PDB file of N, CA and C in Angstrom:
ATOM      1  N   MET A   1       0.822  -1.200   0.000  1.00  0.00           N
ATOM      2  CA  MET A   1       0.000   0.000   0.000  1.00  0.00           C
ATOM      3  C   MET A   1       0.862   1.258   0.000  1.00  0.00           C
ATOM      4  N   LYS A   2       1.944   1.290   0.777  1.00  0.00           N
ATOM      5  CA  LYS A   2       2.816   2.451   0.827  1.00  0.00           C
ATOM      6  C   LYS A   2       3.488   2.703  -0.513  1.00  0.00           C
ATOM      7  N   LYS A   3       3.769   1.662  -1.276  1.00  0.00           N
ATOM      8  CA  LYS A   3       4.413   1.831  -2.573  1.00  0.00           C
ATOM      9  C   LYS A   3       3.480   2.527  -3.564  1.00  0.00           C
ATOM     10  N   ARG A   4       2.191   2.404  -3.413  1.00  0.00           N
ATOM     11  CA  ARG A   4       1.231   3.047  -4.303  1.00  0.00           C
ATOM     12  C   ARG A   4       0.891   4.467  -3.855  1.00  0.00           C
ATOM     13  N   PHE A   5       1.014   4.752  -2.605  1.00  0.00           N
ATOM     14  CA  PHE A   5       0.616   6.050  -2.067  1.00  0.00           C
ATOM     15  C   PHE A   5       1.440   7.194  -2.662  1.00  0.00           C
ATOM     16  N   PHE A   6       2.754   7.081  -2.682  1.00  0.00           N
ATOM     17  CA  PHE A   6       3.607   8.172  -3.152  1.00  0.00           C
ATOM     18  C   PHE A   6       3.453   8.444  -4.655  1.00  0.00           C
ATOM     19  N   PRO A   7       3.392   7.442  -5.525  1.00  0.00           N
ATOM     20  CA  PRO A   7       3.151   7.759  -6.950  1.00  0.00           C
ATOM     21  C   PRO A   7       1.781   8.408  -7.183  1.00  0.00           C
ATOM     22  N   ILE A   8       0.775   8.006  -6.459  1.00  0.00           N
ATOM     23  CA  ILE A   8      -0.546   8.610  -6.603  1.00  0.00           C
ATOM     24  C   ILE A   8      -0.516  10.051  -6.090  1.00  0.00           C
ATOM     25  N   LEU A   9       0.126  10.296  -4.976  1.00  0.00           N
ATOM     26  CA  LEU A   9       0.266  11.645  -4.435  1.00  0.00           C
ATOM     27  C   LEU A   9       1.029  12.533  -5.419  1.00  0.00           C
ATOM     28  N   PHE A  10       2.105  12.011  -5.986  1.00  0.00           N
ATOM     29  CA  PHE A  10       2.891  12.765  -6.950  1.00  0.00           C
ATOM     30  C   PHE A  10       2.047  13.135  -8.179  1.00  0.00           C
ATOM     31  N   LEU A  11       1.306  12.176  -8.678  1.00  0.00           N
ATOM     32  CA  LEU A  11       0.444  12.415  -9.833  1.00  0.00           C
ATOM     33  C   LEU A  11      -0.624  13.471  -9.500  1.00  0.00           C
ATOM     34  N   PHE A  12      -1.217  13.387  -8.335  1.00  0.00           N
ATOM     35  CA  PHE A  12      -2.224  14.341  -7.877  1.00  0.00           C
ATOM     36  C   PHE A  12      -1.644  15.762  -7.821  1.00  0.00           C
ATOM     37  N   LEU A  13      -0.451  15.907  -7.262  1.00  0.00           N
ATOM     38  CA  LEU A  13       0.181  17.222  -7.159  1.00  0.00           C
ATOM     39  C   LEU A  13       0.541  17.784  -8.532  1.00  0.00           C
ATOM     40  N   MET A  14       0.978  16.957  -9.439  1.00  0.00           N
ATOM     41  CA  MET A  14       1.321  17.405 -10.789  1.00  0.00           C
ATOM     42  C   MET A  14       0.090  17.921 -11.531  1.00  0.00           C
ATOM     43  N   VAL A  15      -1.017  17.231 -11.409  1.00  0.00           N
ATOM     44  CA  VAL A  15      -2.241  17.634 -12.099  1.00  0.00           C
ATOM     45  C   VAL A  15      -2.710  18.993 -11.602  1.00  0.00           C
ATOM     46  N   PHE A  16      -2.733  19.207 -10.305  1.00  0.00           N
ATOM     47  CA  PHE A  16      -3.232  20.465  -9.766  1.00  0.00           C
ATOM     48  C   PHE A  16      -2.255  21.616  -9.941  1.00  0.00           C
ATOM     49  N   SER A  17      -0.970  21.378  -9.933  1.00  0.00           N
ATOM     50  CA  SER A  17      -0.029  22.471 -10.153  1.00  0.00           C
ATOM     51  C   SER A  17      -0.039  22.913 -11.609  1.00  0.00           C
ATOM     52  N   THR A  18      -0.256  22.017 -12.548  1.00  0.00           N
ATOM     53  CA  THR A  18      -0.339  22.370 -13.962  1.00  0.00           C
ATOM     54  C   THR A  18      -1.585  23.198 -14.235  1.00  0.00           C
ATOM     55  N   THR A  19      -2.698  22.890 -13.619  1.00  0.00           N
ATOM     56  CA  THR A  19      -3.939  23.622 -13.811  1.00  0.00           C
ATOM     57  C   THR A  19      -3.791  25.066 -13.343  1.00  0.00           C
ATOM     58  N   ALA A  20      -3.075  25.294 -12.258  1.00  0.00           N
ATOM     59  CA  ALA A  20      -2.910  26.648 -11.736  1.00  0.00           C
ATOM     60  C   ALA A  20      -2.165  27.529 -12.733  1.00  0.00           C
ATOM     61  N   TYR A  21      -1.161  27.005 -13.408  1.00  0.00           N
ATOM     62  CA  TYR A  21      -0.427  27.800 -14.381  1.00  0.00           C
ATOM     63  C   TYR A  21      -1.285  28.117 -15.605  1.00  0.00           C
ATOM     64  N   ALA A  22      -2.120  27.206 -16.015  1.00  0.00           N
ATOM     65  CA  ALA A  22      -2.951  27.418 -17.204  1.00  0.00           C
ATOM     66  C   ALA A  22      -3.997  28.502 -16.969  1.00  0.00           C
ATOM     67  N   ALA A  23      -4.387  28.742 -15.731  1.00  0.00           N
ATOM     68  CA  ALA A  23      -5.446  29.702 -15.432  1.00  0.00           C
ATOM     69  C   ALA A  23      -4.953  31.146 -15.389  1.00  0.00           C
ATOM     70  N   SER A  24      -3.645  31.371 -15.279  1.00  0.00           N
ATOM     71  CA  SER A  24      -3.154  32.737 -15.145  1.00  0.00           C
ATOM     72  C   SER A  24      -3.124  33.433 -16.504  1.00  0.00           C
ATOM     73  N   THR A  25      -3.562  34.715 -16.518  1.00  0.00           N
ATOM     74  CA  THR A  25      -3.562  35.525 -17.735  1.00  0.00           C
ATOM     75  C   THR A  25      -3.097  36.933 -17.397  1.00  0.00           C
ATOM     76  N   ARG A  26      -2.622  37.635 -18.405  1.00  0.00           N
ATOM     77  CA  ARG A  26      -2.272  39.037 -18.239  1.00  0.00           C
ATOM     78  C   ARG A  26      -3.516  39.875 -18.459  1.00  0.00           C
ATOM     79  N   ALA A  27      -3.552  40.988 -17.836  1.00  0.00           N
ATOM     80  CA  ALA A  27      -4.678  41.895 -18.023  1.00  0.00           C
ATOM     81  C   ALA A  27      -4.165  43.199 -18.620  1.00  0.00           C
ATOM     82  N   ALA A  28      -5.006  43.838 -19.405  1.00  0.00           N
ATOM     83  CA  ALA A  28      -4.651  45.131 -19.982  1.00  0.00           C
ATOM     84  C   ALA A  28      -4.555  46.183 -18.875  1.00  0.00           C
ATOM     85  N   THR A  29      -3.709  47.182 -19.095  1.00  0.00           N
ATOM     86  CA  THR A  29      -3.541  48.282 -18.143  1.00  0.00           C
ATOM     87  C   THR A  29      -4.087  49.553 -18.765  1.00  0.00           C
ATOM     88  N   VAL A  30      -4.985  50.219 -18.046  1.00  0.00           N
ATOM     89  CA  VAL A  30      -5.558  51.490 -18.505  1.00  0.00           C
ATOM     90  C   VAL A  30      -5.375  52.501 -17.377  1.00  0.00           C
ATOM     91  N   THR A  31      -4.662  53.596 -17.654  1.00  0.00           N
ATOM     92  CA  THR A  31      -4.378  54.593 -16.629  1.00  0.00           C
ATOM     93  C   THR A  31      -4.772  55.984 -17.115  1.00  0.00           C
ATOM     94  N   PRO A  32      -5.934  56.497 -16.664  1.00  0.00           N
ATOM     95  CA  PRO A  32      -6.303  57.880 -16.995  1.00  0.00           C
ATOM     96  C   PRO A  32      -5.759  58.837 -15.932  1.00  0.00           C
ATOM     97  N   ASN A  33      -5.493  60.089 -16.335  1.00  0.00           N
ATOM     98  CA  ASN A  33      -5.007  61.087 -15.386  1.00  0.00           C
ATOM     99  C   ASN A  33      -5.517  62.463 -15.809  1.00  0.00           C
ATOM    100  N   ILE A  34      -5.875  63.282 -14.814  1.00  0.00           N
ATOM    101  CA  ILE A  34      -6.270  64.663 -15.084  1.00  0.00           C
ATOM    102  C   ILE A  34      -5.560  65.561 -14.077  1.00  0.00           C
ATOM    103  N   SER A  35      -4.975  66.636 -14.606  1.00  0.00           N
ATOM    104  CA  SER A  35      -4.331  67.627 -13.747  1.00  0.00           C
ATOM    105  C   SER A  35      -4.675  69.004 -14.311  1.00  0.00           C
ATOM    106  N   PHE A  36      -4.425  70.040 -13.515  1.00  0.00           N
ATOM    107  CA  PHE A  36      -4.823  71.392 -13.912  1.00  0.00           C
ATOM    108  C   PHE A  36      -3.633  72.331 -13.792  1.00  0.00           C
ATOM    109  N   HIS A  37      -3.536  73.214 -14.781  1.00  0.00           N
ATOM    110  CA  HIS A  37      -2.533  74.269 -14.758  1.00  0.00           C
ATOM    111  C   HIS A  37      -3.272  75.559 -15.085  1.00  0.00           C
ATOM    112  N   GLY A  38      -3.562  76.336 -14.067  1.00  0.00           N
ATOM    113  CA  GLY A  38      -4.405  77.518 -14.269  1.00  0.00           C
ATOM    114  C   GLY A  38      -5.803  77.063 -14.649  1.00  0.00           C
ATOM    115  N   THR A  39      -6.284  77.539 -15.789  1.00  0.00           N
ATOM    116  CA  THR A  39      -7.619  77.143 -16.258  1.00  0.00           C
ATOM    117  C   THR A  39      -7.521  76.172 -17.444  1.00  0.00           C
ATOM    118  N   THR A  40      -6.474  75.383 -17.451  1.00  0.00           N
ATOM    119  CA  THR A  40      -6.298  74.357 -18.486  1.00  0.00           C
ATOM    120  C   THR A  40      -6.284  72.986 -17.819  1.00  0.00           C
ATOM    121  N   ALA A  41      -7.141  72.094 -18.324  1.00  0.00           N
ATOM    122  CA  ALA A  41      -7.132  70.702 -17.847  1.00  0.00           C
ATOM    123  C   ALA A  41      -6.191  69.918 -18.754  1.00  0.00           C
ATOM    124  N   ASN A  42      -5.235  69.237 -18.155  1.00  0.00           N
ATOM    125  CA  ASN A  42      -4.316  68.375 -18.890  1.00  0.00           C
ATOM    126  C   ASN A  42      -4.802  66.941 -18.704  1.00  0.00           C
ATOM    127  N   CYS A  43      -5.290  66.343 -19.784  1.00  0.00           N
ATOM    128  CA  CYS A  43      -5.861  64.995 -19.752  1.00  0.00           C
ATOM    129  C   CYS A  43      -4.883  64.032 -20.403  1.00  0.00           C
ATOM    130  N   SER A  44      -4.629  62.913 -19.746  1.00  0.00           N
ATOM    131  CA  SER A  44      -3.742  61.920 -20.345  1.00  0.00           C
ATOM    132  C   SER A  44      -4.264  60.515 -20.057  1.00  0.00           C
ATOM    133  N   VAL A  45      -3.962  59.614 -20.980  1.00  0.00           N
ATOM    134  CA  VAL A  45      -4.360  58.216 -20.844  1.00  0.00           C
ATOM    135  C   VAL A  45      -3.216  57.358 -21.356  1.00  0.00           C
ATOM    136  N   PHE A  46      -2.907  56.310 -20.611  1.00  0.00           N
ATOM    137  CA  PHE A  46      -1.891  55.339 -21.009  1.00  0.00           C
ATOM    138  C   PHE A  46      -2.532  53.960 -20.989  1.00  0.00           C
ATOM    139  N   ILE A  47      -2.477  53.245 -22.118  1.00  0.00           N
ATOM    140  CA  ILE A  47      -3.092  51.920 -22.227  1.00  0.00           C
ATOM    141  C   ILE A  47      -2.061  50.945 -22.764  1.00  0.00           C
ATOM    142  N   VAL A  48      -1.939  49.793 -22.104  1.00  0.00           N
ATOM    143  CA  VAL A  48      -1.086  48.705 -22.587  1.00  0.00           C
ATOM    144  C   VAL A  48      -1.971  47.480 -22.761  1.00  0.00           C
ATOM    145  N   ALA A  49      -1.971  46.914 -23.973  1.00  0.00           N
ATOM    146  CA  ALA A  49      -2.808  45.753 -24.276  1.00  0.00           C
ATOM    147  C   ALA A  49      -2.200  44.471 -23.709  1.00  0.00           C
ATOM    148  N   ASP A  50      -2.993  43.392 -23.759  1.00  0.00           N
ATOM    149  CA  ASP A  50      -2.546  42.091 -23.281  1.00  0.00           C
ATOM    150  C   ASP A  50      -1.386  41.547 -24.114  1.00  0.00           C
ATOM    151  N   LYS A  51      -1.498  41.686 -25.426  1.00  0.00           N
ATOM    152  CA  LYS A  51      -0.496  41.151 -26.349  1.00  0.00           C
ATOM    153  C   LYS A  51      -0.013  42.254 -27.287  1.00  0.00           C
ATOM    154  N   PRO A  52       1.197  42.135 -27.811  1.00  0.00           N
ATOM    155  CA  PRO A  52       1.724  43.161 -28.721  1.00  0.00           C
ATOM    156  C   PRO A  52       0.935  43.297 -30.022  1.00  0.00           C
ATOM    157  N   THR A  53       0.142  42.310 -30.383  1.00  0.00           N
ATOM    158  CA  THR A  53      -0.628  42.353 -31.629  1.00  0.00           C
ATOM    159  C   THR A  53      -2.059  42.849 -31.425  1.00  0.00           C
ATOM    160  N   ASP A  54      -2.460  43.139 -30.184  1.00  0.00           N
ATOM    161  CA  ASP A  54      -3.829  43.579 -29.900  1.00  0.00           C
ATOM    162  C   ASP A  54      -4.080  44.992 -30.427  1.00  0.00           C
ATOM    163  N   ASP A  55      -5.261  45.181 -31.030  1.00  0.00           N
ATOM    164  CA  ASP A  55      -5.700  46.499 -31.472  1.00  0.00           C
ATOM    165  C   ASP A  55      -6.435  47.194 -30.333  1.00  0.00           C
ATOM    166  N   ILE A  56      -6.147  48.468 -30.145  1.00  0.00           N
ATOM    167  CA  ILE A  56      -6.755  49.268 -29.076  1.00  0.00           C
ATOM    168  C   ILE A  56      -7.595  50.378 -29.703  1.00  0.00           C
ATOM    169  N   ASP A  57      -8.849  50.483 -29.278  1.00  0.00           N
ATOM    170  CA  ASP A  57      -9.721  51.596 -29.652  1.00  0.00           C
ATOM    171  C   ASP A  57     -10.193  52.247 -28.363  1.00  0.00           C
ATOM    172  N   ALA A  58     -10.006  53.565 -28.264  1.00  0.00           N
ATOM    173  CA  ALA A  58     -10.376  54.277 -27.040  1.00  0.00           C
ATOM    174  C   ALA A  58     -11.202  55.511 -27.370  1.00  0.00           C
ATOM    175  N   VAL A  59     -12.257  55.730 -26.561  1.00  0.00           N
ATOM    176  CA  VAL A  59     -13.040  56.960 -26.618  1.00  0.00           C
ATOM    177  C   VAL A  59     -12.821  57.640 -25.269  1.00  0.00           C
ATOM    178  N   ILE A  60     -12.207  58.807 -25.323  1.00  0.00           N
ATOM    179  CA  ILE A  60     -11.819  59.551 -24.122  1.00  0.00           C
ATOM    180  C   ILE A  60     -12.700  60.795 -24.048  1.00  0.00           C
ATOM    181  N   LYS A  61     -13.331  60.998 -22.886  1.00  0.00           N
ATOM    182  CA  LYS A  61     -14.250  62.139 -22.741  1.00  0.00           C
ATOM    183  C   LYS A  61     -13.952  62.895 -21.453  1.00  0.00           C
ATOM    184  N   LEU A  62     -14.083  64.219 -21.537  1.00  0.00           N
ATOM    185  CA  LEU A  62     -13.986  65.070 -20.357  1.00  0.00           C
ATOM    186  C   LEU A  62     -15.377  65.603 -20.058  1.00  0.00           C
ATOM    187  N   TRP A  63     -15.809  65.392 -18.811  1.00  0.00           N
ATOM    188  CA  TRP A  63     -17.161  65.773 -18.377  1.00  0.00           C
ATOM    189  C   TRP A  63     -17.082  66.843 -17.301  1.00  0.00           C
ATOM    190  N   GLN A  64     -18.066  67.759 -17.338  1.00  0.00           N
ATOM    191  CA  GLN A  64     -18.269  68.699 -16.240  1.00  0.00           C
ATOM    192  C   GLN A  64     -19.727  68.541 -15.858  1.00  0.00           C
ATOM    193  N   GLY A  65     -19.954  67.925 -14.696  1.00  0.00           N
ATOM    194  CA  GLY A  65     -21.310  67.542 -14.312  1.00  0.00           C
ATOM    195  C   GLY A  65     -21.781  66.466 -15.275  1.00  0.00           C
ATOM    196  N   GLY A  66     -22.961  66.594 -15.804  1.00  0.00           N
ATOM    197  CA  GLY A  66     -23.479  65.617 -16.751  1.00  0.00           C
ATOM    198  C   GLY A  66     -23.244  65.997 -18.203  1.00  0.00           C
ATOM    199  N   GLN A  67     -22.425  67.037 -18.431  1.00  0.00           N
ATOM    200  CA  GLN A  67     -22.206  67.528 -19.791  1.00  0.00           C
ATOM    201  C   GLN A  67     -20.809  67.160 -20.276  1.00  0.00           C
ATOM    202  N   CYS A  68     -20.740  66.501 -21.440  1.00  0.00           N
ATOM    203  CA  CYS A  68     -19.460  66.175 -22.064  1.00  0.00           C
ATOM    204  C   CYS A  68     -18.943  67.431 -22.763  1.00  0.00           C
ATOM    205  N   ILE A  69     -17.744  67.888 -22.377  1.00  0.00           N
ATOM    206  CA  ILE A  69     -17.217  69.117 -22.976  1.00  0.00           C
ATOM    207  C   ILE A  69     -16.141  68.847 -24.034  1.00  0.00           C
ATOM    208  N   LYS A  70     -15.606  67.632 -24.084  1.00  0.00           N
ATOM    209  CA  LYS A  70     -14.609  67.300 -25.108  1.00  0.00           C
ATOM    210  C   LYS A  70     -14.547  65.784 -25.282  1.00  0.00           C
ATOM    211  N   THR A  71     -14.436  65.341 -26.544  1.00  0.00           N
ATOM    212  CA  THR A  71     -14.313  63.913 -26.864  1.00  0.00           C
ATOM    213  C   THR A  71     -13.133  63.704 -27.807  1.00  0.00           C
ATOM    214  N   TRP A  72     -12.347  62.691 -27.521  1.00  0.00           N
ATOM    215  CA  TRP A  72     -11.264  62.276 -28.404  1.00  0.00           C
ATOM    216  C   TRP A  72     -11.449  60.795 -28.713  1.00  0.00           C
ATOM    217  N   GLU A  73     -11.198  60.395 -29.944  1.00  0.00           N
ATOM    218  CA  GLU A  73     -11.211  58.979 -30.330  1.00  0.00           C
ATOM    219  C   GLU A  73      -9.826  58.629 -30.847  1.00  0.00           C
ATOM    220  N   LYS A  74      -9.209  57.619 -30.239  1.00  0.00           N
ATOM    221  CA  LYS A  74      -7.843  57.232 -30.588  1.00  0.00           C
ATOM    222  C   LYS A  74      -7.758  55.726 -30.790  1.00  0.00           C
ATOM    223  N   SER A  75      -6.850  55.321 -31.686  1.00  0.00           N
ATOM    224  CA  SER A  75      -6.614  53.899 -31.950  1.00  0.00           C
ATOM    225  C   SER A  75      -5.118  53.651 -32.040  1.00  0.00           C
ATOM    226  N   SER A  76      -4.730  52.426 -31.708  1.00  0.00           N
ATOM    227  CA  SER A  76      -3.331  52.047 -31.775  1.00  0.00           C
ATOM    228  C   SER A  76      -3.217  50.525 -31.692  1.00  0.00           C
ATOM    229  N   THR A  77      -2.004  50.036 -31.760  1.00  0.00           N
ATOM    230  CA  THR A  77      -1.731  48.609 -31.578  1.00  0.00           C
ATOM    231  C   THR A  77      -0.707  48.457 -30.471  1.00  0.00           C
ATOM    232  N   SER A  78      -0.940  47.509 -29.587  1.00  0.00           N
ATOM    233  CA  SER A  78      -0.049  47.171 -28.472  1.00  0.00           C
ATOM    234  C   SER A  78      -0.140  48.144 -27.303  1.00  0.00           C
ATOM    235  N   TYR A  79       0.064  49.453 -27.552  1.00  0.00           N
ATOM    236  CA  TYR A  79      -0.072  50.441 -26.486  1.00  0.00           C
ATOM    237  C   TYR A  79      -0.558  51.764 -27.072  1.00  0.00           C
ATOM    238  N   LEU A  80      -1.140  52.593 -26.223  1.00  0.00           N
ATOM    239  CA  LEU A  80      -1.654  53.892 -26.649  1.00  0.00           C
ATOM    240  C   LEU A  80      -1.269  54.928 -25.599  1.00  0.00           C
ATOM    241  N   VAL A  81      -0.695  56.023 -26.058  1.00  0.00           N
ATOM    242  CA  VAL A  81      -0.356  57.148 -25.181  1.00  0.00           C
ATOM    243  C   VAL A  81      -1.101  58.364 -25.715  1.00  0.00           C
ATOM    244  N   PHE A  82      -1.927  58.975 -24.876  1.00  0.00           N
ATOM    245  CA  PHE A  82      -2.731  60.127 -25.282  1.00  0.00           C
ATOM    246  C   PHE A  82      -2.517  61.281 -24.310  1.00  0.00           C
ATOM    247  N   SER A  83      -2.512  62.505 -24.874  1.00  0.00           N
ATOM    248  CA  SER A  83      -2.449  63.710 -24.061  1.00  0.00           C
ATOM    249  C   SER A  83      -3.245  64.799 -24.764  1.00  0.00           C
ATOM    250  N   GLY A  84      -4.085  65.495 -24.016  1.00  0.00           N
ATOM    251  CA  GLY A  84      -4.871  66.581 -24.583  1.00  0.00           C
ATOM    252  C   GLY A  84      -5.139  67.661 -23.552  1.00  0.00           C
ATOM    253  N   GLU A  85      -5.423  68.869 -24.031  1.00  0.00           N
ATOM    254  CA  GLU A  85      -5.699  70.003 -23.150  1.00  0.00           C
ATOM    255  C   GLU A  85      -7.059  70.612 -23.479  1.00  0.00           C
ATOM    256  N   VAL A  86      -7.719  71.109 -22.432  1.00  0.00           N
ATOM    257  CA  VAL A  86      -9.030  71.745 -22.592  1.00  0.00           C
ATOM    258  C   VAL A  86      -9.106  72.922 -21.623  1.00  0.00           C
ATOM    259  N   ALA A  87      -9.681  74.036 -22.086  1.00  0.00           N
ATOM    260  CA  ALA A  87      -9.916  75.177 -21.202  1.00  0.00           C
ATOM    261  C   ALA A  87     -11.066  74.840 -20.257  1.00  0.00           C
ATOM    262  N   VAL A  88     -10.875  75.126 -18.959  1.00  0.00           N
ATOM    263  CA  VAL A  88     -11.874  74.804 -17.938  1.00  0.00           C
ATOM    264  C   VAL A  88     -12.092  76.014 -17.026  1.00  0.00           C
ATOM    265  N   THR A  89     -13.016  75.851 -16.082  1.00  0.00           N
ATOM    266  CA  THR A  89     -13.367  76.922 -15.152  1.00  0.00           C
ATOM    267  C   THR A  89     -12.890  76.568 -13.746  1.00  0.00           C
ATOM    268  N   LYS A  90     -12.264  77.541 -13.091  1.00  0.00           N
ATOM    269  CA  LYS A  90     -11.803  77.316 -11.709  1.00  0.00           C
ATOM    270  C   LYS A  90     -12.990  77.019 -10.789  1.00  0.00           C
ATOM    271  N   GLY A  91     -12.765  76.118  -9.830  1.00  0.00           N
ATOM    272  CA  GLY A  91     -13.778  75.760  -8.858  1.00  0.00           C
ATOM    273  C   GLY A  91     -14.707  74.641  -9.305  1.00  0.00           C
ATOM    274  N   LYS A  92     -14.635  74.232 -10.542  1.00  0.00           N
ATOM    275  CA  LYS A  92     -15.498  73.164 -11.059  1.00  0.00           C
ATOM    276  C   LYS A  92     -14.770  71.821 -10.982  1.00  0.00           C
ATOM    277  N   THR A  93     -15.573  70.746 -10.822  1.00  0.00           N
ATOM    278  CA  THR A  93     -15.038  69.384 -10.797  1.00  0.00           C
ATOM    279  C   THR A  93     -15.255  68.741 -12.159  1.00  0.00           C
ATOM    280  N   TYR A  94     -14.239  68.055 -12.642  1.00  0.00           N
ATOM    281  CA  TYR A  94     -14.258  67.428 -13.958  1.00  0.00           C
ATOM    282  C   TYR A  94     -13.956  65.935 -13.825  1.00  0.00           C
ATOM    283  N   GLU A  95     -14.510  65.177 -14.760  1.00  0.00           N
ATOM    284  CA  GLU A  95     -14.270  63.736 -14.779  1.00  0.00           C
ATOM    285  C   GLU A  95     -13.772  63.345 -16.170  1.00  0.00           C
ATOM    286  N   LEU A  96     -12.672  62.616 -16.195  1.00  0.00           N
ATOM    287  CA  LEU A  96     -12.120  62.076 -17.434  1.00  0.00           C
ATOM    288  C   LEU A  96     -12.489  60.599 -17.496  1.00  0.00           C
ATOM    289  N   THR A  97     -13.211  60.194 -18.560  1.00  0.00           N
ATOM    290  CA  THR A  97     -13.613  58.793 -18.707  1.00  0.00           C
ATOM    291  C   THR A  97     -12.936  58.197 -19.941  1.00  0.00           C
ATOM    292  N   VAL A  98     -12.685  56.891 -19.869  1.00  0.00           N
ATOM    293  CA  VAL A  98     -12.064  56.172 -20.984  1.00  0.00           C
ATOM    294  C   VAL A  98     -12.849  54.887 -21.215  1.00  0.00           C
ATOM    295  N   ASP A  99     -13.414  54.761 -22.418  1.00  0.00           N
ATOM    296  CA  ASP A  99     -14.063  53.527 -22.846  1.00  0.00           C
ATOM    297  C   ASP A  99     -13.105  52.845 -23.812  1.00  0.00           C
ATOM    298  N   VAL A 100     -12.691  51.628 -23.480  1.00  0.00           N
ATOM    299  CA  VAL A 100     -11.648  50.934 -24.235  1.00  0.00           C
ATOM    300  C   VAL A 100     -12.169  49.615 -24.784  1.00  0.00           C
ATOM    301  N   SER A 101     -11.763  49.333 -26.015  1.00  0.00           N
ATOM    302  CA  SER A 101     -12.008  48.041 -26.643  1.00  0.00           C
ATOM    303  C   SER A 101     -10.650  47.518 -27.106  1.00  0.00           C
ATOM    304  N   ILE A 102     -10.302  46.310 -26.669  1.00  0.00           N
ATOM    305  CA  ILE A 102      -9.034  45.701 -27.069  1.00  0.00           C
ATOM    306  C   ILE A 102      -9.336  44.459 -27.892  1.00  0.00           C
ATOM    307  N   SER A 103      -8.939  44.522 -29.156  1.00  0.00           N
ATOM    308  CA  SER A 103      -9.216  43.455 -30.136  1.00  0.00           C
ATOM    309  C   SER A 103     -10.694  43.061 -30.118  1.00  0.00           C
ATOM    310  N   GLY A 104     -11.563  44.064 -30.062  1.00  0.00           N
ATOM    311  CA  GLY A 104     -13.004  43.838 -30.109  1.00  0.00           C
ATOM    312  C   GLY A 104     -13.663  43.552 -28.777  1.00  0.00           C
ATOM    313  N   LYS A 105     -12.885  43.368 -27.723  1.00  0.00           N
ATOM    314  CA  LYS A 105     -13.458  43.080 -26.397  1.00  0.00           C
ATOM    315  C   LYS A 105     -13.514  44.374 -25.577  1.00  0.00           C
ATOM    316  N   GLU A 106     -14.748  44.756 -25.191  1.00  0.00           N
ATOM    317  CA  GLU A 106     -14.919  45.982 -24.416  1.00  0.00           C
ATOM    318  C   GLU A 106     -14.540  45.763 -22.951  1.00  0.00           C
ATOM    319  N   LEU A 107     -13.801  46.712 -22.418  1.00  0.00           N
ATOM    320  CA  LEU A 107     -13.430  46.687 -20.996  1.00  0.00           C
ATOM    321  C   LEU A 107     -14.385  47.594 -20.232  1.00  0.00           C
ATOM    322  N   PRO A 108     -14.455  47.443 -18.909  1.00  0.00           N
ATOM    323  CA  PRO A 108     -15.272  48.367 -18.109  1.00  0.00           C
ATOM    324  C   PRO A 108     -14.725  49.790 -18.250  1.00  0.00           C
ATOM    325  N   ARG A 109     -15.570  50.777 -18.028  1.00  0.00           N
ATOM    326  CA  ARG A 109     -15.149  52.180 -18.132  1.00  0.00           C
ATOM    327  C   ARG A 109     -14.163  52.520 -17.019  1.00  0.00           C
ATOM    328  N   PHE A 110     -13.149  53.289 -17.393  1.00  0.00           N
ATOM    329  CA  PHE A 110     -12.162  53.791 -16.439  1.00  0.00           C
ATOM    330  C   PHE A 110     -12.385  55.292 -16.308  1.00  0.00           C
ATOM    331  N   SER A 111     -12.225  55.838 -15.098  1.00  0.00           N
ATOM    332  CA  SER A 111     -12.434  57.271 -14.921  1.00  0.00           C
ATOM    333  C   SER A 111     -11.600  57.817 -13.771  1.00  0.00           C
ATOM    334  N   VAL A 112     -11.414  59.127 -13.818  1.00  0.00           N
ATOM    335  CA  VAL A 112     -10.723  59.827 -12.743  1.00  0.00           C
ATOM    336  C   VAL A 112     -11.341  61.214 -12.657  1.00  0.00           C
ATOM    337  N   LYS A 113     -11.447  61.752 -11.435  1.00  0.00           N
ATOM    338  CA  LYS A 113     -12.022  63.079 -11.221  1.00  0.00           C
ATOM    339  C   LYS A 113     -10.973  64.035 -10.652  1.00  0.00           C
ATOM    340  N   GLY A 114     -11.200  65.317 -10.914  1.00  0.00           N
ATOM    341  CA  GLY A 114     -10.331  66.339 -10.358  1.00  0.00           C
ATOM    342  C   GLY A 114     -11.049  67.669 -10.356  1.00  0.00           C
ATOM    343  N   THR A 115     -10.629  68.572  -9.445  1.00  0.00           N
ATOM    344  CA  THR A 115     -11.228  69.895  -9.337  1.00  0.00           C
ATOM    345  C   THR A 115     -10.189  70.951  -9.699  1.00  0.00           C
ATOM    346  N   CYS A 116     -10.582  71.852 -10.565  1.00  0.00           N
ATOM    347  CA  CYS A 116      -9.700  72.945 -10.968  1.00  0.00           C
ATOM    348  C   CYS A 116      -9.692  73.983  -9.848  1.00  0.00           C
ATOM    349  N   SER A 117      -8.525  74.220  -9.256  1.00  0.00           N
ATOM    350  CA  SER A 117      -8.458  75.180  -8.134  1.00  0.00           C
ATOM    351  C   SER A 117      -7.545  76.337  -8.451  1.00  0.00           C
TER     352      SER A 117
END
């Protein structure tokens, strides 16, 4: 009985350790940022896809309250770096949103808020 226990245990451990490696995947990175210089909002987005061959489509919007004040549409492969400026009003809060599709698969919306002071 002891001679069978160790080979069976070894086989059991090999099966479960192999499954754990197969389940791991990379995830895309989406980083929006908003900063202010006087009455100018500096909007930036950095996106890195899962694979170097992935196509990236992004719709980037700047909102003040429920009103969209600027929209940019950008596309790239593998990674996308975006930077844009918009005139804003001091004392108001703004939200930068990013809707991303990577090789046809839509990701959840990413957003960041900031107040022009």
